Amino acid sequence: MTLTKEHLIRSIGNRLGISKFECTRLLDSVLESVKTSLSNGEDVMISRFGRFSVKKKAPRRGRNIATGEDLPLDARTVVTFHCSGILKHKINGRG
């Protein structure tokens, strides 16, 4: 199952006993802060969860799978995620 924004809003509302409107504003505010930091090239560290990092990828040579033709791939910026040790243990049933 995919965890959607709607699921998060409902879960937050149930745990904190606040309205869907307030939960939506709260989650939107958090996500906007994360997006702003990443857009500025800053890492986002969430304790006990993990770290989102912005990485620059160099241009490279790729291949069109359908035709086998070589093609250049431009440089790009990507976001990576590394989970915390606590989250890793929880996922593996040790936490």
N, C-alpha and C. Protein backbone atom coordinates (compact mmCIF):
# COMPACT_ATOMS: atom_id res chain seq x y z
N MET A 1 0.83 -1.18 0.00
CA MET A 1 0.00 0.00 0.00
C MET A 1 0.88 1.25 0.00
N THR A 2 0.50 2.23 -0.77
CA THR A 2 1.21 3.49 -0.82
C THR A 2 0.67 4.42 0.25
N LEU A 3 1.56 5.05 0.99
CA LEU A 3 1.16 6.02 2.00
C LEU A 3 0.97 7.36 1.31
N THR A 4 -0.26 7.84 1.24
CA THR A 4 -0.56 9.09 0.54
C THR A 4 -0.63 10.25 1.53
N LYS A 5 -0.66 11.44 0.97
CA LYS A 5 -0.81 12.63 1.79
C LYS A 5 -2.12 12.57 2.57
N GLU A 6 -3.16 12.08 1.95
CA GLU A 6 -4.46 11.95 2.62
C GLU A 6 -4.37 11.00 3.82
N HIS A 7 -3.65 9.89 3.67
CA HIS A 7 -3.45 8.97 4.80
C HIS A 7 -2.71 9.66 5.94
N LEU A 8 -1.67 10.42 5.60
CA LEU A 8 -0.92 11.13 6.63
C LEU A 8 -1.80 12.14 7.36
N ILE A 9 -2.61 12.88 6.62
CA ILE A 9 -3.50 13.88 7.22
C ILE A 9 -4.47 13.20 8.18
N ARG A 10 -5.05 12.11 7.75
CA ARG A 10 -6.00 11.38 8.59
C ARG A 10 -5.31 10.84 9.85
N SER A 11 -4.12 10.28 9.69
CA SER A 11 -3.38 9.72 10.82
C SER A 11 -3.01 10.81 11.84
N ILE A 12 -2.52 11.94 11.35
CA ILE A 12 -2.15 13.06 12.24
C ILE A 12 -3.39 13.54 12.99
N GLY A 13 -4.49 13.69 12.28
CA GLY A 13 -5.73 14.15 12.89
C GLY A 13 -6.20 13.22 13.99
N ASN A 14 -6.13 11.91 13.73
CA ASN A 14 -6.55 10.93 14.73
C ASN A 14 -5.64 10.94 15.96
N ARG A 15 -4.34 11.08 15.74
CA ARG A 15 -3.39 11.05 16.87
C ARG A 15 -3.47 12.32 17.72
N LEU A 16 -3.63 13.47 17.03
CA LEU A 16 -3.60 14.74 17.76
C LEU A 16 -4.98 15.30 18.08
N GLY A 17 -6.01 14.71 17.50
CA GLY A 17 -7.36 15.19 17.75
C GLY A 17 -7.61 16.58 17.18
N ILE A 18 -7.05 16.85 16.01
CA ILE A 18 -7.27 18.15 15.37
C ILE A 18 -7.98 17.94 14.03
N SER A 19 -8.54 19.02 13.50
CA SER A 19 -9.37 18.92 12.30
C SER A 19 -8.53 18.60 11.06
N LYS A 20 -9.21 18.11 10.04
CA LYS A 20 -8.56 17.80 8.77
C LYS A 20 -7.94 19.07 8.18
N PHE A 21 -8.61 20.19 8.31
CA PHE A 21 -8.10 21.46 7.80
C PHE A 21 -6.78 21.82 8.48
N GLU A 22 -6.73 21.69 9.82
CA GLU A 22 -5.51 22.01 10.55
C GLU A 22 -4.39 21.04 10.20
N CYS A 23 -4.72 19.77 10.06
CA CYS A 23 -3.71 18.77 9.68
C CYS A 23 -3.14 19.05 8.30
N THR A 24 -4.02 19.43 7.38
CA THR A 24 -3.57 19.75 6.01
C THR A 24 -2.62 20.93 6.04
N ARG A 25 -2.96 21.97 6.79
CA ARG A 25 -2.07 23.15 6.89
C ARG A 25 -0.74 22.78 7.52
N LEU A 26 -0.79 21.95 8.56
CA LEU A 26 0.43 21.51 9.24
C LEU A 26 1.33 20.72 8.31
N LEU A 27 0.78 19.72 7.64
CA LEU A 27 1.58 18.89 6.73
C LEU A 27 2.11 19.70 5.55
N ASP A 28 1.26 20.56 4.98
CA ASP A 28 1.71 21.41 3.87
C ASP A 28 2.87 22.31 4.29
N SER A 29 2.81 22.82 5.51
CA SER A 29 3.87 23.68 6.02
C SER A 29 5.18 22.90 6.16
N VAL A 30 5.11 21.69 6.70
CA VAL A 30 6.31 20.85 6.86
C VAL A 30 6.90 20.52 5.49
N LEU A 31 6.05 20.08 4.57
CA LEU A 31 6.54 19.71 3.24
C LEU A 31 7.11 20.91 2.50
N GLU A 32 6.53 22.07 2.67
CA GLU A 32 7.05 23.29 2.02
C GLU A 32 8.43 23.63 2.57
N SER A 33 8.63 23.46 3.87
CA SER A 33 9.94 23.70 4.47
C SER A 33 10.99 22.74 3.92
N VAL A 34 10.61 21.48 3.77
CA VAL A 34 11.52 20.47 3.21
C VAL A 34 11.86 20.83 1.76
N LYS A 35 10.84 21.17 0.96
CA LYS A 35 11.08 21.52 -0.45
C LYS A 35 11.97 22.75 -0.58
N THR A 36 11.75 23.75 0.27
CA THR A 36 12.56 24.97 0.21
C THR A 36 14.02 24.67 0.53
N SER A 37 14.24 23.90 1.58
CA SER A 37 15.62 23.56 1.96
C SER A 37 16.32 22.78 0.86
N LEU A 38 15.64 21.77 0.30
CA LEU A 38 16.24 20.98 -0.77
C LEU A 38 16.50 21.83 -2.01
N SER A 39 15.58 22.73 -2.32
CA SER A 39 15.75 23.63 -3.48
C SER A 39 16.96 24.53 -3.31
N ASN A 40 17.28 24.86 -2.06
CA ASN A 40 18.46 25.69 -1.77
C ASN A 40 19.73 24.86 -1.65
N GLY A 41 19.64 23.56 -1.93
CA GLY A 41 20.81 22.70 -1.89
C GLY A 41 21.19 22.23 -0.50
N GLU A 42 20.29 22.42 0.47
CA GLU A 42 20.57 22.03 1.85
C GLU A 42 20.05 20.62 2.12
N ASP A 43 20.75 19.89 2.98
CA ASP A 43 20.27 18.59 3.44
C ASP A 43 19.13 18.80 4.43
N VAL A 44 18.25 17.82 4.51
CA VAL A 44 17.16 17.84 5.50
C VAL A 44 17.31 16.59 6.35
N MET A 45 17.58 16.79 7.64
CA MET A 45 17.76 15.68 8.56
C MET A 45 16.55 15.64 9.50
N ILE A 46 15.89 14.50 9.53
CA ILE A 46 14.76 14.30 10.44
C ILE A 46 15.20 13.22 11.43
N SER A 47 15.37 13.63 12.68
CA SER A 47 15.87 12.71 13.71
C SER A 47 15.03 11.44 13.77
N ARG A 48 15.71 10.33 13.93
CA ARG A 48 15.10 9.00 14.06
C ARG A 48 14.40 8.54 12.78
N PHE A 49 14.55 9.30 11.69
CA PHE A 49 13.92 8.94 10.42
C PHE A 49 14.96 8.81 9.32
N GLY A 50 15.66 9.91 9.01
CA GLY A 50 16.69 9.84 7.98
C GLY A 50 17.07 11.21 7.45
N ARG A 51 17.87 11.18 6.38
CA ARG A 51 18.40 12.41 5.79
C ARG A 51 18.12 12.44 4.30
N PHE A 52 17.56 13.54 3.84
CA PHE A 52 17.39 13.81 2.42
C PHE A 52 18.54 14.70 2.00
N SER A 53 19.24 14.34 0.93
CA SER A 53 20.39 15.10 0.45
C SER A 53 20.24 15.42 -1.02
N VAL A 54 20.76 16.57 -1.41
CA VAL A 54 20.78 16.97 -2.81
C VAL A 54 22.14 16.60 -3.39
N LYS A 55 22.15 15.88 -4.48
CA LYS A 55 23.39 15.45 -5.13
C LYS A 55 23.40 15.91 -6.58
N LYS A 56 24.57 16.31 -7.04
CA LYS A 56 24.73 16.69 -8.45
C LYS A 56 25.25 15.49 -9.21
N LYS A 57 24.60 15.17 -10.32
CA LYS A 57 25.03 14.08 -11.20
C LYS A 57 25.71 14.68 -12.42
N ALA A 58 26.84 14.14 -12.77
CA ALA A 58 27.59 14.61 -13.94
C ALA A 58 26.91 14.12 -15.22
N PRO A 59 27.17 14.80 -16.33
CA PRO A 59 26.64 14.29 -17.60
C PRO A 59 27.25 12.91 -17.87
N ARG A 60 26.52 12.08 -18.56
CA ARG A 60 27.02 10.74 -18.84
C ARG A 60 26.43 10.21 -20.13
N ARG A 61 26.96 9.10 -20.56
CA ARG A 61 26.47 8.46 -21.77
C ARG A 61 25.41 7.44 -21.39
N GLY A 62 24.29 7.48 -22.09
CA GLY A 62 23.22 6.53 -21.85
C GLY A 62 22.93 5.74 -23.11
N ARG A 63 21.91 4.91 -23.05
CA ARG A 63 21.55 4.10 -24.21
C ARG A 63 20.04 4.02 -24.31
N ASN A 64 19.53 4.22 -25.52
CA ASN A 64 18.12 4.04 -25.79
C ASN A 64 17.87 2.53 -25.82
N ILE A 65 17.06 2.04 -24.89
CA ILE A 65 16.84 0.60 -24.76
C ILE A 65 16.17 0.02 -26.01
N ALA A 66 15.27 0.78 -26.60
CA ALA A 66 14.53 0.27 -27.76
C ALA A 66 15.42 0.11 -29.00
N THR A 67 16.33 1.09 -29.22
CA THR A 67 17.13 1.06 -30.44
C THR A 67 18.58 0.65 -30.21
N GLY A 68 19.03 0.71 -28.94
CA GLY A 68 20.42 0.41 -28.65
C GLY A 68 21.35 1.57 -28.96
N GLU A 69 20.81 2.69 -29.40
CA GLU A 69 21.59 3.86 -29.78
C GLU A 69 22.14 4.58 -28.54
N ASP A 70 23.42 5.00 -28.60
CA ASP A 70 24.01 5.80 -27.52
C ASP A 70 23.43 7.20 -27.57
N LEU A 71 23.23 7.80 -26.39
CA LEU A 71 22.76 9.18 -26.34
C LEU A 71 23.31 9.84 -25.10
N PRO A 72 23.57 11.15 -25.18
CA PRO A 72 24.11 11.85 -24.01
C PRO A 72 22.99 12.17 -23.01
N LEU A 73 23.30 12.01 -21.74
CA LEU A 73 22.38 12.41 -20.68
C LEU A 73 22.97 13.63 -19.99
N ASP A 74 22.16 14.67 -19.86
CA ASP A 74 22.62 15.93 -19.27
C ASP A 74 22.92 15.78 -17.78
N ALA A 75 23.70 16.73 -17.27
CA ALA A 75 23.93 16.82 -15.83
C ALA A 75 22.59 17.12 -15.17
N ARG A 76 22.43 16.63 -13.95
CA ARG A 76 21.16 16.87 -13.27
C ARG A 76 21.38 16.84 -11.77
N THR A 77 20.37 17.30 -11.06
CA THR A 77 20.39 17.29 -9.61
C THR A 77 19.32 16.32 -9.13
N VAL A 78 19.67 15.47 -8.16
CA VAL A 78 18.73 14.49 -7.65
C VAL A 78 18.68 14.58 -6.12
N VAL A 79 17.60 14.08 -5.55
CA VAL A 79 17.46 13.99 -4.10
C VAL A 79 17.62 12.53 -3.70
N THR A 80 18.47 12.29 -2.72
CA THR A 80 18.66 10.93 -2.21
C THR A 80 18.17 10.88 -0.77
N PHE A 81 17.85 9.67 -0.30
CA PHE A 81 17.41 9.49 1.08
C PHE A 81 18.22 8.37 1.71
N HIS A 82 18.72 8.62 2.90
CA HIS A 82 19.42 7.61 3.70
C HIS A 82 18.70 7.50 5.02
N CYS A 83 18.19 6.31 5.32
CA CYS A 83 17.42 6.15 6.55
C CYS A 83 18.35 6.08 7.76
N SER A 84 17.80 6.47 8.90
CA SER A 84 18.57 6.42 10.15
C SER A 84 18.73 4.98 10.60
N GLY A 85 19.66 4.76 11.50
CA GLY A 85 19.85 3.43 12.06
C GLY A 85 18.60 2.94 12.79
N ILE A 86 17.92 3.86 13.47
CA ILE A 86 16.70 3.50 14.19
C ILE A 86 15.64 3.01 13.22
N LEU A 87 15.45 3.73 12.12
CA LEU A 87 14.46 3.32 11.12
C LEU A 87 14.86 2.00 10.47
N LYS A 88 16.13 1.85 10.19
CA LYS A 88 16.63 0.62 9.58
C LYS A 88 16.33 -0.59 10.48
N HIS A 89 16.57 -0.43 11.78
CA HIS A 89 16.27 -1.52 12.72
C HIS A 89 14.77 -1.81 12.79
N LYS A 90 13.96 -0.76 12.77
CA LYS A 90 12.50 -0.95 12.83
C LYS A 90 12.02 -1.71 11.59
N ILE A 91 12.54 -1.34 10.42
CA ILE A 91 12.15 -2.01 9.18
C ILE A 91 12.54 -3.48 9.22
N ASN A 92 13.68 -3.78 9.82
CA ASN A 92 14.16 -5.15 9.89
C ASN A 92 13.64 -5.91 11.11
N GLY A 93 12.66 -5.35 11.81
CA GLY A 93 12.02 -6.04 12.91
C GLY A 93 12.83 -6.14 14.18
N ARG A 94 13.81 -5.25 14.33
CA ARG A 94 14.64 -5.29 15.52
C ARG A 94 14.44 -4.08 16.40
N GLY A 95 13.37 -3.30 16.14
CA GLY A 95 13.25 -2.08 16.93
C GLY A 95 11.92 -1.78 17.45
